[in-house]
Amino acid sequence: MKHFFFILLIVILSNSLLSQTKNIQWGTIDSDGRFDEIVKSQNGNYYGIRTIGDFIEELTNNYKTYLSLIEGANITKSIELKTSIQGLRAEYQGMTLINNQLVIFYTINEKNSYKLYIQVFTDNLVEQNSELELVSFELPKKYVSESEIKIIKSVNGQFGGVLYVIEDNSKKEMSFGYVVLDSTLSVNSKGFQTVPKDANYLSYGTQFVSNKGELYVSLNEKISSSRKKMKNGLLNNFRIGPFSFLPVQTYYNLDGYDDYDAIQRIHVYKCEQNQTVNLACDLSKNCINKYKMGMTPNGNLVLIGSFLRVKNDKIITRSDLSMNGIFTLQFDFLNKKVSREKYVDLSLNVYTYGLSDRKKQRIENNFAQGKLLPRLYDFRLKNVTILENGTILGHLEQTERNVSYSSNNLGYGPYGSSYGMGYGYGNYPYNNTTANVSYYFKDVIVFSLKSDGTVNWMKKIQKNQVSGTYNGAFVSCFTYLTNSNYNLLFTDNAKNYAENGVFTADKKIHGSPAFAKNNIISIVKMNMLTGETKREQFLPKLENDGYYIPRDFMYDSLKNTMLVMSINRGFGNKIRLGKIINLPQE
């Protein structure tokens, strides 16, 4: 009788898992190469850029880049992208869909003279015409780093183009140029702007294209010089002599606050045909780091991000840094002013949610004495969405990077194992120092703000993910909106759930190592009005003796489908594609 009930339980659980996965259509063939970029067309198909090549081929620029058509969950057609234009090496820069026309961007470089070309394809990857030159620009003769080239697109998909940022170290100048195309791929606006500030204190912010084709570009004026940051980074990471064999372990936060990245002033440019309008915003005793742009229902530009308060108008040491909350800045370019500036502090109960009673009591006592909340600077802004009624939804994710250095002691290189030297990242064949990088993606703070920047609700979601590759072997978290919910997907551990799939609200959260056989995908559904939260399994394990690591998701709200890209069994470059249909729309 006991065996009967045991077998019955297994059947029930198996049917439960099958019911969760019956709407997944997996591709028949796993694809080679990593997906560097994917865009979605209006007909429900996807276009992907894949890079195929081993480490040596990428190091010598002999890798191949393919443009692939994804129909359902299969790659049905692939073509190799151009490798040369006018006899010069062509570098792929990005792609986008403008009025559902697939546009590929390339650059060629000849003696610091750059030319940017576009190539247009039909739905079935047939080239419509030869490559067309879009813009050309010169780089400074003593230019050190590469130019930042960003592909831009409006929310409605009717405008798109390119933005390029240039820093002239000799003149200490930063400038940017842009070309915005309309729905017919004609030039809507084109221009070039030099920023009259010391480039050592400037960094690129972000950009936004309105549904009318207006381009907004922001630049950050920082507290400290980037040259000082680069110098300190070199000194901290360079090792030479007999001590190079000793392992060194250092911790960094990824895209978080540090003394050199904190921003004290933002310069926002509105770019139209042959003219730009600049608005600058001083941040007073508040400093910010990462932020995103959006457009309010009344047509004003809004910046949303996290902020920190500074002591005596200046950041002195890292101990002075802490993320205090969420800010919103609204720019009125018609009247040339900042129309609204709002700073909302993160409540203490949100930060301490899920911590042990002992940790919670200690933090509350320290906070009452005016001390900063610990490790709060590791939270970075990941997503922001502005609804039609002006409500702002978004989340921050706690992200850390651990770099450990070690010696292989094999005597490689001209200095041997005792006197090897190495800097920074990777395992180089001519030194004996290896940098091992691990990424940690931890708790998420989801927020809902009213149109005036005040808080509707804030919630903390506990998770613990780790990866050993850049930005994670898996997507750390992915969001999409349904009729009433803000949905958050992430890799999770099956130990966090009971046998019936219900989340166990323990204070201890089991992590999901990159190669764990109990990896699953969880979903957290958050009601957009109330913040009411429900956490459950979204995708259980694929097979009893295997596992998978999601690389990315793509959601199609019109078709109510989702494309899943998974690293097959966690090894190699094989990518498994799957398509989920009939997603819940509550």
Protein backbone atom coordinates (compact mmCIF):
# COMPACT_ATOMS: atom_id res chain seq x y z
CA MET A 1 0.00 0.00 0.00
CA LYS A 2 2.87 2.39 0.84
CA HIS A 3 4.45 1.68 -2.55
CA PHE A 4 1.10 2.39 -4.22
CA PHE A 5 0.82 5.85 -2.64
CA PHE A 6 4.45 6.58 -3.43
CA ILE A 7 3.94 5.70 -7.11
CA LEU A 8 0.71 7.74 -7.16
CA LEU A 9 2.60 10.74 -5.76
CA ILE A 10 5.29 10.43 -8.45
CA VAL A 11 2.62 10.29 -11.18
CA ILE A 12 0.88 13.39 -9.80
CA LEU A 13 4.13 15.34 -9.59
CA SER A 14 5.17 14.22 -13.09
CA ASN A 15 1.84 15.32 -14.54
CA SER A 16 2.19 18.62 -12.72
CA LEU A 17 5.62 19.24 -14.25
CA LEU A 18 4.45 18.16 -17.69
CA SER A 19 1.52 20.54 -17.46
CA GLN A 20 3.98 23.37 -16.90
CA THR A 21 6.09 22.46 -19.93
CA LYS A 22 3.52 21.19 -22.47
CA ASN A 23 3.37 24.60 -24.19
CA ILE A 24 7.13 24.69 -24.87
CA GLN A 25 8.21 23.94 -28.43
CA TRP A 26 11.90 23.07 -28.50
CA GLY A 27 13.98 23.42 -31.63
CA THR A 28 15.11 20.28 -33.42
CA ILE A 29 18.77 21.30 -33.84
CA ASP A 30 21.01 23.08 -31.35
CA SER A 31 22.82 26.06 -32.90
CA ASP A 32 26.56 26.68 -32.88
CA GLY A 33 28.06 29.94 -31.71
CA ARG A 34 26.89 32.44 -29.18
CA PHE A 35 24.00 34.84 -29.82
CA ASP A 36 25.38 38.38 -29.54
CA GLU A 37 22.14 40.14 -30.44
CA ILE A 38 18.51 39.32 -31.24
CA VAL A 39 15.69 41.54 -32.53
CA LYS A 40 12.02 40.71 -32.99
CA SER A 41 10.00 41.39 -36.16
CA GLN A 42 6.29 42.19 -36.33
CA ASN A 43 5.41 38.80 -37.82
CA GLY A 44 6.69 36.95 -34.74
CA ASN A 45 10.03 35.85 -36.20
CA TYR A 46 13.42 36.82 -34.79
CA TYR A 47 16.75 37.82 -36.30
CA GLY A 48 19.93 36.82 -34.47
CA ILE A 49 23.60 37.66 -34.79
CA ARG A 50 25.86 34.71 -34.03
CA THR A 51 29.64 34.72 -33.64
CA ILE A 52 31.35 31.42 -34.46
CA GLY A 53 35.01 30.89 -33.67
CA ASP A 54 37.34 29.62 -30.96
CA PHE A 55 39.53 31.75 -28.71
CA ILE A 56 42.44 31.95 -31.18
CA GLU A 57 40.15 32.85 -34.09
CA GLU A 58 38.56 35.67 -32.11
CA LEU A 59 41.98 36.87 -30.93
CA THR A 60 43.22 37.08 -34.53
CA ASN A 61 39.95 38.52 -35.89
CA ASN A 62 39.31 35.41 -37.99
CA TYR A 63 35.95 34.56 -36.48
CA LYS A 64 32.78 34.52 -38.58
CA THR A 65 29.61 36.49 -37.91
CA TYR A 66 26.28 35.17 -39.18
CA LEU A 67 22.83 36.73 -39.48
CA SER A 68 20.17 34.09 -38.79
CA LEU A 69 16.42 33.94 -39.28
CA ILE A 70 14.62 32.23 -36.36
CA GLU A 71 11.15 30.88 -37.13
CA GLY A 72 9.35 29.18 -34.26
CA ALA A 73 12.23 27.64 -32.33
CA ASN A 74 14.51 26.83 -35.28
CA ILE A 75 17.11 28.65 -37.33
CA THR A 76 15.77 28.34 -40.87
CA LYS A 77 18.31 30.47 -42.74
CA SER A 78 21.75 31.96 -42.06
CA ILE A 79 24.03 34.21 -44.11
CA GLU A 80 27.55 35.36 -43.35
CA LEU A 81 27.85 39.09 -42.84
CA LYS A 82 30.21 41.23 -44.86
CA THR A 83 33.86 41.11 -43.88
CA SER A 84 35.07 43.92 -46.16
CA ILE A 85 33.75 47.07 -47.81
CA GLN A 86 35.76 48.94 -50.47
CA GLY A 87 38.67 46.58 -49.81
CA LEU A 88 38.84 47.45 -46.09
CA ARG A 89 37.88 45.26 -43.15
CA ALA A 90 34.24 45.80 -42.16
CA GLU A 91 33.33 45.65 -38.48
CA TYR A 92 29.77 44.73 -37.53
CA GLN A 93 28.37 47.36 -35.12
CA GLY A 94 24.76 46.33 -34.57
CA MET A 95 21.33 45.92 -36.11
CA THR A 96 17.80 47.19 -35.62
CA LEU A 97 14.36 47.16 -37.22
CA ILE A 98 13.10 50.50 -38.56
CA ASN A 99 9.48 50.28 -39.73
CA ASN A 100 10.05 46.49 -39.70
CA GLN A 101 12.98 46.83 -42.13
CA LEU A 102 16.10 45.00 -40.96
CA VAL A 103 19.11 47.35 -40.98
CA ILE A 104 22.70 46.17 -40.36
CA PHE A 105 25.41 48.70 -39.39
CA TYR A 106 29.12 48.37 -40.32
CA THR A 107 32.20 50.56 -39.95
CA ILE A 108 35.46 50.62 -41.88
CA ASN A 109 38.59 52.36 -40.61
CA GLU A 110 41.45 53.83 -42.63
CA LYS A 111 44.08 55.86 -40.77
CA ASN A 112 41.66 57.00 -38.04
CA SER A 113 39.03 57.93 -40.61
CA TYR A 114 35.80 56.05 -39.92
CA LYS A 115 32.95 55.47 -42.31
CA LEU A 116 29.66 53.95 -41.21
CA TYR A 117 27.53 51.95 -43.65
CA ILE A 118 24.10 50.36 -43.52
CA GLN A 119 22.81 47.24 -45.26
CA VAL A 120 19.06 46.57 -45.59
CA PHE A 121 17.47 43.10 -45.77
CA THR A 122 14.00 41.76 -46.54
CA ASP A 123 12.05 39.48 -44.18
CA ASN A 124 13.73 36.44 -45.75
CA LEU A 125 17.27 37.86 -45.44
CA VAL A 126 17.55 38.95 -49.05
CA GLU A 127 19.74 42.03 -49.44
CA GLN A 128 17.67 44.91 -50.82
CA ASN A 129 20.60 46.98 -52.06
CA SER A 130 24.34 47.41 -51.72
CA GLU A 131 25.76 48.96 -48.59
CA LEU A 132 25.05 52.68 -48.25
CA GLU A 133 27.40 55.17 -46.56
CA LEU A 134 25.60 56.85 -43.69
CA VAL A 135 28.23 59.10 -42.08
CA SER A 136 32.00 59.56 -41.82
CA PHE A 137 34.07 61.02 -38.99
CA GLU A 138 37.67 61.48 -37.93
CA LEU A 139 39.29 60.24 -34.74
CA PRO A 140 42.09 62.19 -33.01
CA LYS A 141 45.62 61.13 -33.97
CA LYS A 142 46.48 60.29 -30.35
CA TYR A 143 43.18 58.53 -29.80
CA VAL A 144 43.64 55.63 -27.37
CA SER A 145 40.33 53.89 -26.78
CA GLU A 146 37.75 52.86 -29.35
CA SER A 147 34.90 55.12 -30.31
CA GLU A 148 31.58 54.28 -28.69
CA ILE A 149 29.06 53.47 -31.41
CA LYS A 150 25.48 52.91 -30.33
CA ILE A 151 22.54 51.79 -32.43
CA ILE A 152 19.39 53.75 -31.54
CA LYS A 153 15.67 53.17 -32.09
CA SER A 154 12.38 54.78 -31.05
CA VAL A 155 9.82 52.87 -28.97
CA ASN A 156 7.33 52.75 -31.86
CA GLY A 157 10.02 51.45 -34.23
CA GLN A 158 9.49 54.22 -36.81
CA PHE A 159 12.87 55.92 -36.24
CA GLY A 160 16.37 54.58 -35.75
CA GLY A 161 19.98 55.24 -36.51
CA VAL A 162 23.38 55.59 -34.96
CA LEU A 163 25.10 57.66 -32.25
CA TYR A 164 28.89 57.85 -31.93
CA VAL A 165 30.91 59.35 -29.06
CA ILE A 166 34.52 60.57 -29.44
CA GLU A 167 36.98 61.62 -26.73
CA ASP A 168 40.02 63.69 -27.71
CA ASN A 169 42.57 63.13 -24.94
CA SER A 170 45.00 65.77 -26.24
CA LYS A 171 42.34 68.51 -26.24
CA LYS A 172 40.47 67.03 -23.26
CA GLU A 173 37.30 67.23 -25.35
CA MET A 174 34.34 64.92 -25.69
CA SER A 175 32.01 65.13 -28.69
CA PHE A 176 29.25 63.10 -30.26
CA GLY A 177 27.59 62.78 -33.63
CA TYR A 178 24.31 61.25 -34.73
CA VAL A 179 22.20 60.23 -37.70
CA VAL A 180 18.49 59.51 -37.20
CA LEU A 181 16.59 57.74 -40.01
CA ASP A 182 12.84 57.87 -40.54
CA SER A 183 10.47 55.05 -41.55
CA THR A 184 11.59 55.28 -45.21
CA LEU A 185 15.27 55.09 -44.14
CA SER A 186 15.80 58.72 -45.19
CA VAL A 187 17.84 61.00 -42.94
CA ASN A 188 15.52 62.64 -40.41
CA SER A 189 18.28 64.50 -38.53
CA LYS A 190 22.06 64.60 -38.54
CA GLY A 191 24.55 66.55 -36.49
CA PHE A 192 27.74 66.81 -34.44
CA GLN A 193 28.23 68.39 -31.01
CA THR A 194 31.33 69.18 -28.93
CA VAL A 195 30.86 69.39 -25.15
CA PRO A 196 32.70 72.41 -23.66
CA LYS A 197 33.90 70.55 -20.54
CA ASP A 198 37.08 68.77 -19.46
CA ALA A 199 36.64 65.26 -20.89
CA ASN A 200 38.56 63.75 -17.96
CA TYR A 201 35.51 64.50 -15.82
CA LEU A 202 32.93 63.45 -18.40
CA SER A 203 31.43 60.08 -19.18
CA TYR A 204 28.73 58.99 -21.57
CA GLY A 205 25.30 58.61 -19.98
CA THR A 206 22.54 57.21 -22.15
CA GLN A 207 20.26 58.08 -25.07
CA PHE A 208 16.59 58.00 -26.03
CA VAL A 209 14.69 58.47 -29.31
CA SER A 210 11.11 59.72 -29.02
CA ASN A 211 8.27 58.48 -31.19
CA LYS A 212 8.61 61.76 -33.12
CA GLY A 213 12.24 61.11 -33.98
CA GLU A 214 13.77 63.49 -31.42
CA LEU A 215 17.11 62.24 -30.07
CA TYR A 216 18.10 62.92 -26.45
CA VAL A 217 21.69 62.35 -25.32
CA SER A 218 23.04 62.68 -21.78
CA LEU A 219 26.62 63.13 -20.58
CA ASN A 220 27.74 62.89 -16.96
CA GLU A 221 30.01 65.31 -15.16
CA LYS A 222 31.74 63.25 -12.48
CA ILE A 223 33.27 64.12 -9.13
CA SER A 224 36.72 62.71 -9.89
CA SER A 225 38.87 62.34 -12.99
CA SER A 226 38.74 59.11 -14.97
CA ARG A 227 42.50 59.37 -15.51
CA LYS A 228 43.03 59.03 -11.77
CA LYS A 229 40.77 56.00 -11.79
CA MET A 230 42.74 54.37 -14.63
CA LYS A 231 46.05 55.04 -12.88
CA ASN A 232 44.86 53.53 -9.60
CA GLY A 233 43.43 50.51 -11.43
CA LEU A 234 46.79 49.81 -13.09
CA LEU A 235 48.66 50.05 -9.79
CA ASN A 236 46.20 47.80 -8.00
CA ASN A 237 46.27 45.04 -10.63
CA PHE A 238 49.90 44.99 -11.78
CA ARG A 239 52.15 42.38 -10.18
CA ILE A 240 55.81 41.75 -10.89
CA GLY A 241 58.72 39.94 -9.27
CA PRO A 242 58.90 37.08 -6.76
CA PHE A 243 55.55 37.97 -5.17
CA SER A 244 53.64 37.38 -8.42
CA PHE A 245 53.08 33.72 -7.55
CA LEU A 246 50.96 34.67 -4.53
CA PRO A 247 47.20 34.58 -5.21
CA VAL A 248 45.56 37.96 -4.86
CA GLN A 249 41.83 38.29 -4.27
CA THR A 250 39.95 41.51 -4.79
CA TYR A 251 36.26 42.37 -4.84
CA TYR A 252 34.57 44.81 -7.17
CA ASN A 253 31.01 45.85 -7.62
CA LEU A 254 29.80 45.78 -11.22
CA ASP A 255 28.50 49.12 -12.51
CA GLY A 256 28.02 50.28 -8.94
CA TYR A 257 29.17 53.36 -7.10
CA ASP A 258 32.80 54.25 -6.59
CA ASP A 259 34.63 57.47 -5.83
CA TYR A 260 35.25 58.25 -9.49
CA ASP A 261 31.94 57.36 -11.10
CA ALA A 262 29.62 59.36 -8.84
CA ILE A 263 27.89 62.06 -10.92
CA GLN A 264 27.35 65.60 -9.68
CA ARG A 265 25.92 67.18 -12.85
CA ILE A 266 24.03 65.89 -15.91
CA HIS A 267 24.12 67.49 -19.35
CA VAL A 268 21.15 66.54 -21.53
CA TYR A 269 21.04 67.43 -25.23
CA LYS A 270 17.94 67.44 -27.42
CA CYS A 271 19.18 66.80 -30.96
CA GLU A 272 17.22 67.81 -34.03
CA GLN A 273 18.19 68.74 -37.57
CA ASN A 274 21.40 70.82 -37.43
CA GLN A 275 20.76 72.02 -33.86
CA THR A 276 21.01 70.89 -30.27
CA VAL A 277 19.51 72.27 -27.07
CA ASN A 278 21.42 71.65 -23.84
CA LEU A 279 19.98 71.53 -20.33
CA ALA A 280 22.28 70.96 -17.33
CA CYS A 281 21.09 69.80 -13.93
CA ASP A 282 23.17 70.24 -10.76
CA LEU A 283 22.46 67.51 -8.25
CA SER A 284 23.15 69.57 -5.11
CA LYS A 285 24.04 67.25 -2.21
CA ASN A 286 22.88 64.17 -4.09
CA CYS A 287 25.02 62.13 -6.47
CA ILE A 288 23.80 59.54 -8.93
CA ASN A 289 25.37 56.73 -10.90
CA LYS A 290 23.26 54.65 -13.30
CA TYR A 291 19.99 55.88 -14.78
CA LYS A 292 17.69 55.39 -17.76
CA MET A 293 15.63 57.72 -19.95
CA GLY A 294 11.95 57.67 -20.86
CA MET A 295 9.12 59.91 -22.01
CA THR A 296 6.16 61.00 -19.88
CA PRO A 297 2.62 61.00 -21.32
CA ASN A 298 2.80 64.81 -21.60
CA GLY A 299 5.93 64.62 -23.77
CA ASN A 300 8.61 65.56 -21.24
CA LEU A 301 11.86 63.67 -20.93
CA VAL A 302 12.35 61.89 -17.60
CA LEU A 303 15.48 60.34 -16.07
CA ILE A 304 15.04 57.54 -13.51
CA GLY A 305 17.84 55.99 -11.46
CA SER A 306 19.37 55.47 -8.04
CA PHE A 307 21.01 58.19 -5.98
CA LEU A 308 23.27 58.60 -2.96
CA ARG A 309 23.64 61.43 -0.50
CA VAL A 310 27.07 62.94 0.12
CA LYS A 311 28.63 64.39 3.25
CA ASN A 312 29.76 68.01 3.17
CA ASP A 313 29.08 68.23 -0.57
CA LYS A 314 31.95 65.84 -1.30
CA ILE A 315 32.68 62.13 -1.47
CA ILE A 316 35.97 61.40 0.29
CA THR A 317 36.22 57.63 0.72
CA ARG A 318 34.23 54.57 -0.23
CA SER A 319 32.77 54.49 3.28
CA ASP A 320 30.91 57.68 2.36
CA LEU A 321 29.02 55.86 -0.38
CA SER A 322 25.59 54.32 -0.13
CA MET A 323 22.55 54.12 -2.36
CA ASN A 324 19.74 55.96 -0.60
CA GLY A 325 16.89 55.47 -3.04
CA ILE A 326 15.30 56.26 -6.41
CA PHE A 327 15.32 59.65 -8.15
CA THR A 328 13.32 61.12 -11.04
CA LEU A 329 14.32 64.20 -13.04
CA GLN A 330 11.86 65.65 -15.54
CA PHE A 331 13.11 67.99 -18.28
CA ASP A 332 10.89 70.52 -20.02
CA PHE A 333 12.76 71.49 -23.21
CA LEU A 334 9.93 73.72 -24.38
CA ASN A 335 10.51 76.05 -21.43
CA LYS A 336 14.18 75.01 -21.06
CA LYS A 337 14.06 73.96 -17.42
CA VAL A 338 14.05 71.01 -15.06
CA SER A 339 10.35 70.85 -14.25
CA ARG A 340 10.52 68.23 -11.49
CA GLU A 341 13.24 66.79 -9.26
CA LYS A 342 12.28 64.05 -6.81
CA TYR A 343 14.39 61.88 -4.49
CA VAL A 344 12.71 59.00 -2.64
CA ASP A 345 14.61 57.12 0.05
CA LEU A 346 14.53 53.35 0.22
CA SER A 347 12.64 52.33 3.35
CA LEU A 348 14.53 50.38 6.00
CA ASN A 349 12.00 47.52 6.08
CA VAL A 350 12.51 46.90 2.33
CA TYR A 351 16.26 46.60 2.76
CA THR A 352 16.10 44.32 5.83
CA TYR A 353 13.40 42.04 4.39
CA GLY A 354 14.48 38.40 4.56
CA LEU A 355 17.47 39.00 6.85
CA SER A 356 17.88 37.16 10.12
CA ASP A 357 16.53 38.81 13.26
CA ARG A 358 20.07 39.38 14.50
CA LYS A 359 21.24 41.12 11.31
CA LYS A 360 18.03 43.12 11.13
CA GLN A 361 18.42 44.37 14.70
CA ARG A 362 22.06 45.35 14.14
CA ILE A 363 21.24 47.27 10.94
CA GLU A 364 18.30 49.04 12.58
CA ASN A 365 20.51 50.10 15.52
CA ASN A 366 23.24 51.40 13.21
CA PHE A 367 20.71 53.18 11.03
CA ALA A 368 19.25 54.90 14.10
CA GLN A 369 22.75 56.21 14.86
CA GLY A 370 23.00 57.75 11.40
CA LYS A 371 25.18 55.05 9.84
CA LEU A 372 24.77 53.98 6.21
CA LEU A 373 23.01 50.82 5.14
CA PRO A 374 25.70 48.19 4.37
CA ARG A 375 26.46 47.04 0.80
CA LEU A 376 23.59 49.06 -0.62
CA TYR A 377 25.89 50.55 -3.26
CA ASP A 378 26.00 47.16 -5.00
CA PHE A 379 22.47 47.61 -6.33
CA ARG A 380 22.35 48.71 -9.96
CA LEU A 381 19.40 49.85 -12.05
CA LYS A 382 18.38 47.15 -14.53
CA ASN A 383 14.99 48.08 -15.99
CA VAL A 384 12.54 50.99 -16.17
CA THR A 385 9.13 51.10 -17.87
CA ILE A 386 6.78 54.10 -18.06
CA LEU A 387 3.11 53.18 -18.45
CA GLU A 388 0.56 55.22 -20.39
CA ASN A 389 -0.83 56.69 -17.15
CA GLY A 390 2.65 57.91 -16.13
CA THR A 391 3.35 55.17 -13.57
CA ILE A 392 7.04 54.21 -13.45
CA LEU A 393 7.93 50.53 -12.92
CA GLY A 394 11.43 49.16 -12.59
CA HIS A 395 13.90 47.15 -10.55
CA LEU A 396 17.44 47.22 -9.23
CA GLU A 397 19.65 44.15 -8.87
CA GLN A 398 22.44 43.55 -6.37
CA THR A 399 25.45 42.72 -8.55
CA GLU A 400 28.99 41.91 -7.47
CA ARG A 401 32.14 40.72 -9.20
CA ASN A 402 34.83 38.67 -7.50
CA VAL A 403 38.28 38.59 -9.14
CA SER A 404 40.89 36.16 -7.78
CA TYR A 405 44.43 36.11 -9.18
CA SER A 406 46.61 33.04 -9.10
CA SER A 407 49.87 31.74 -10.58
CA ASN A 408 50.04 28.60 -12.71
CA ASN A 409 53.65 27.96 -11.54
CA LEU A 410 54.48 26.27 -14.83
CA GLY A 411 57.23 28.67 -15.86
CA TYR A 412 55.50 29.97 -18.98
CA GLY A 413 56.74 33.19 -20.48
CA PRO A 414 60.11 34.95 -20.44
CA TYR A 415 60.12 35.42 -16.65
CA GLY A 416 59.23 31.89 -15.55
CA SER A 417 56.99 31.09 -12.62
CA SER A 418 58.85 33.18 -10.05
CA TYR A 419 59.02 36.43 -11.97
CA GLY A 420 55.93 36.34 -14.11
CA MET A 421 53.83 39.40 -14.60
CA GLY A 422 50.21 39.91 -15.48
CA TYR A 423 47.56 42.57 -15.51
CA GLY A 424 43.80 42.54 -15.43
CA TYR A 425 41.71 39.83 -16.98
CA GLY A 426 42.15 36.48 -18.63
CA ASN A 427 44.87 33.89 -18.96
CA TYR A 428 47.66 35.18 -21.20
CA PRO A 429 50.15 32.77 -22.83
CA TYR A 430 53.17 34.93 -21.95
CA ASN A 431 52.63 35.42 -18.24
CA ASN A 432 51.85 33.13 -15.39
CA THR A 433 49.08 35.10 -13.71
CA THR A 434 45.45 34.13 -14.21
CA ALA A 435 42.46 36.28 -13.29
CA ASN A 436 39.43 34.18 -12.34
CA VAL A 437 36.23 36.21 -12.50
CA SER A 438 32.95 35.26 -10.84
CA TYR A 439 29.73 37.24 -11.01
CA TYR A 440 27.10 37.26 -8.29
CA PHE A 441 23.55 38.35 -8.99
CA LYS A 442 21.66 38.64 -5.73
CA ASP A 443 18.52 40.34 -4.42
CA VAL A 444 16.21 42.48 -6.54
CA ILE A 445 14.33 45.59 -5.42
CA VAL A 446 11.21 46.25 -7.52
CA PHE A 447 9.61 49.70 -7.33
CA SER A 448 6.49 51.46 -8.57
CA LEU A 449 6.43 55.26 -8.64
CA LYS A 450 3.63 57.68 -9.38
CA SER A 451 4.06 60.16 -12.23
CA ASP A 452 5.30 62.79 -9.74
CA GLY A 453 8.05 60.45 -8.46
CA THR A 454 6.44 59.48 -5.15
CA VAL A 455 6.27 55.81 -4.16
CA ASN A 456 3.35 53.50 -4.88
CA TRP A 457 5.18 50.47 -3.48
CA MET A 458 8.61 48.85 -3.16
CA LYS A 459 9.35 45.15 -2.70
CA LYS A 460 12.50 43.08 -2.23
CA ILE A 461 12.87 39.70 -3.97
CA GLN A 462 15.53 37.35 -2.59
CA LYS A 463 17.72 35.31 -4.93
CA ASN A 464 21.32 34.17 -5.22
CA GLN A 465 22.93 33.43 -8.60
CA VAL A 466 26.57 32.95 -9.57
CA SER A 467 28.36 32.70 -12.90
CA GLY A 468 31.92 32.41 -14.11
CA THR A 469 31.67 34.33 -17.40
CA TYR A 470 31.14 37.93 -18.40
CA ASN A 471 27.69 39.13 -17.37
CA GLY A 472 26.83 35.58 -16.38
CA ALA A 473 26.46 32.35 -18.29
CA PHE A 474 22.76 32.88 -17.85
CA VAL A 475 20.58 35.95 -17.98
CA SER A 476 20.43 37.12 -14.38
CA CYS A 477 16.83 38.30 -14.59
CA PHE A 478 14.32 39.17 -17.29
CA THR A 479 11.12 41.20 -17.04
CA TYR A 480 7.96 41.46 -19.10
CA LEU A 481 4.53 43.02 -18.58
CA THR A 482 1.13 41.36 -18.82
CA ASN A 483 -2.31 42.90 -18.30
CA SER A 484 -1.88 43.47 -14.57
CA ASN A 485 1.55 42.13 -13.54
CA TYR A 486 5.20 43.08 -13.62
CA ASN A 487 6.81 39.66 -14.17
CA LEU A 488 10.38 38.79 -13.18
CA LEU A 489 12.13 35.62 -14.44
CA PHE A 490 15.43 34.29 -13.08
CA THR A 491 17.40 31.10 -12.54
CA ASP A 492 16.55 29.53 -9.19
CA ASN A 493 17.19 26.47 -7.06
CA ALA A 494 14.53 23.78 -6.78
CA LYS A 495 15.38 23.53 -3.05
CA ASN A 496 13.57 26.84 -2.55
CA TYR A 497 10.27 25.13 -3.38
CA ALA A 498 8.21 22.42 -1.77
CA GLU A 499 7.39 19.23 -3.66
CA ASN A 500 4.14 20.78 -4.87
CA GLY A 501 6.07 23.68 -6.44
CA VAL A 502 5.07 26.24 -3.79
CA PHE A 503 7.80 28.68 -2.75
CA THR A 504 8.99 28.15 0.83
CA ALA A 505 9.35 31.59 2.37
CA ASP A 506 12.45 30.75 4.45
CA LYS A 507 14.97 33.39 5.39
CA LYS A 508 17.68 31.21 3.85
CA ILE A 509 17.69 31.30 0.05
CA HIS A 510 19.46 28.47 -1.74
CA GLY A 511 21.70 29.70 -4.51
CA SER A 512 21.81 28.45 -8.09
CA PRO A 513 25.40 27.67 -9.13
CA ALA A 514 26.06 27.80 -12.85
CA PHE A 515 26.36 24.00 -13.17
CA ALA A 516 23.78 22.71 -10.73
CA LYS A 517 21.48 19.90 -11.76
CA ASN A 518 18.59 21.37 -9.81
CA ASN A 519 18.48 24.64 -11.74
CA ILE A 520 14.97 25.82 -12.57
CA ILE A 521 13.41 29.06 -13.82
CA SER A 522 11.26 30.95 -11.33
CA ILE A 523 8.72 33.67 -11.95
CA VAL A 524 7.72 36.43 -9.54
CA LYS A 525 4.41 38.04 -10.46
CA MET A 526 3.90 41.50 -8.96
CA ASN A 527 0.57 43.28 -9.29
CA MET A 528 1.30 46.66 -10.87
CA LEU A 529 -1.30 48.46 -8.73
CA THR A 530 -0.77 46.91 -5.30
CA GLY A 531 2.63 45.20 -5.42
CA GLU A 532 1.03 41.93 -4.29
CA THR A 533 3.63 39.25 -4.97
CA LYS A 534 3.42 35.60 -5.98
CA ARG A 535 6.51 33.44 -6.57
CA GLU A 536 6.40 30.04 -8.27
CA GLN A 537 8.22 27.75 -10.69
CA PHE A 538 8.07 28.89 -14.29
CA LEU A 539 10.16 26.13 -15.91
CA PRO A 540 11.20 23.02 -13.96
CA LYS A 541 14.19 20.86 -14.86
CA LEU A 542 14.18 19.82 -18.50
CA GLU A 543 15.11 16.22 -17.83
CA ASN A 544 15.74 14.02 -14.83
CA ASP A 545 19.47 13.58 -15.45
CA GLY A 546 20.24 16.98 -16.97
CA TYR A 547 19.92 20.70 -16.58
CA TYR A 548 20.00 23.84 -18.62
CA ILE A 549 21.14 27.44 -18.19
CA PRO A 550 19.02 30.15 -19.83
CA ARG A 551 21.06 32.62 -21.84
CA ASP A 552 18.26 35.03 -22.64
CA PHE A 553 14.53 35.50 -23.20
CA MET A 554 12.57 37.47 -25.78
CA TYR A 555 8.89 38.29 -25.15
CA ASP A 556 6.37 39.05 -27.90
CA SER A 557 3.38 40.82 -26.35
CA LEU A 558 1.40 40.82 -29.61
CA LYS A 559 1.71 37.06 -30.14
CA ASN A 560 1.84 36.28 -26.38
CA THR A 561 4.89 34.04 -26.91
CA MET A 562 8.39 33.88 -25.48
CA LEU A 563 11.65 32.75 -27.08
CA VAL A 564 14.03 30.96 -24.69
CA MET A 565 17.74 30.65 -25.44
CA SER A 566 19.44 28.02 -23.30
CA ILE A 567 23.04 26.79 -23.10
CA ASN A 568 22.65 23.10 -23.83
CA ARG A 569 23.47 21.12 -20.67
CA GLY A 570 25.76 23.93 -19.53
CA PHE A 571 28.76 23.06 -21.72
CA GLY A 572 30.26 24.46 -24.92
CA ASN A 573 28.70 27.00 -27.26
CA LYS A 574 25.63 25.00 -28.25
CA ILE A 575 22.46 27.05 -27.85
CA ARG A 576 19.09 25.36 -27.55
CA LEU A 577 16.08 27.38 -28.69
CA GLY A 578 12.59 26.98 -27.35
CA LYS A 579 9.32 28.83 -27.82
CA ILE A 580 6.69 29.17 -25.10
CA ILE A 581 3.13 29.78 -26.28
CA ASN A 582 -0.12 30.68 -24.51
CA LEU A 583 1.50 32.50 -21.60
CA PRO A 584 -0.87 33.55 -18.79
CA GLN A 585 -2.11 37.10 -19.33
CA GLU A 586 -3.36 37.93 -15.84
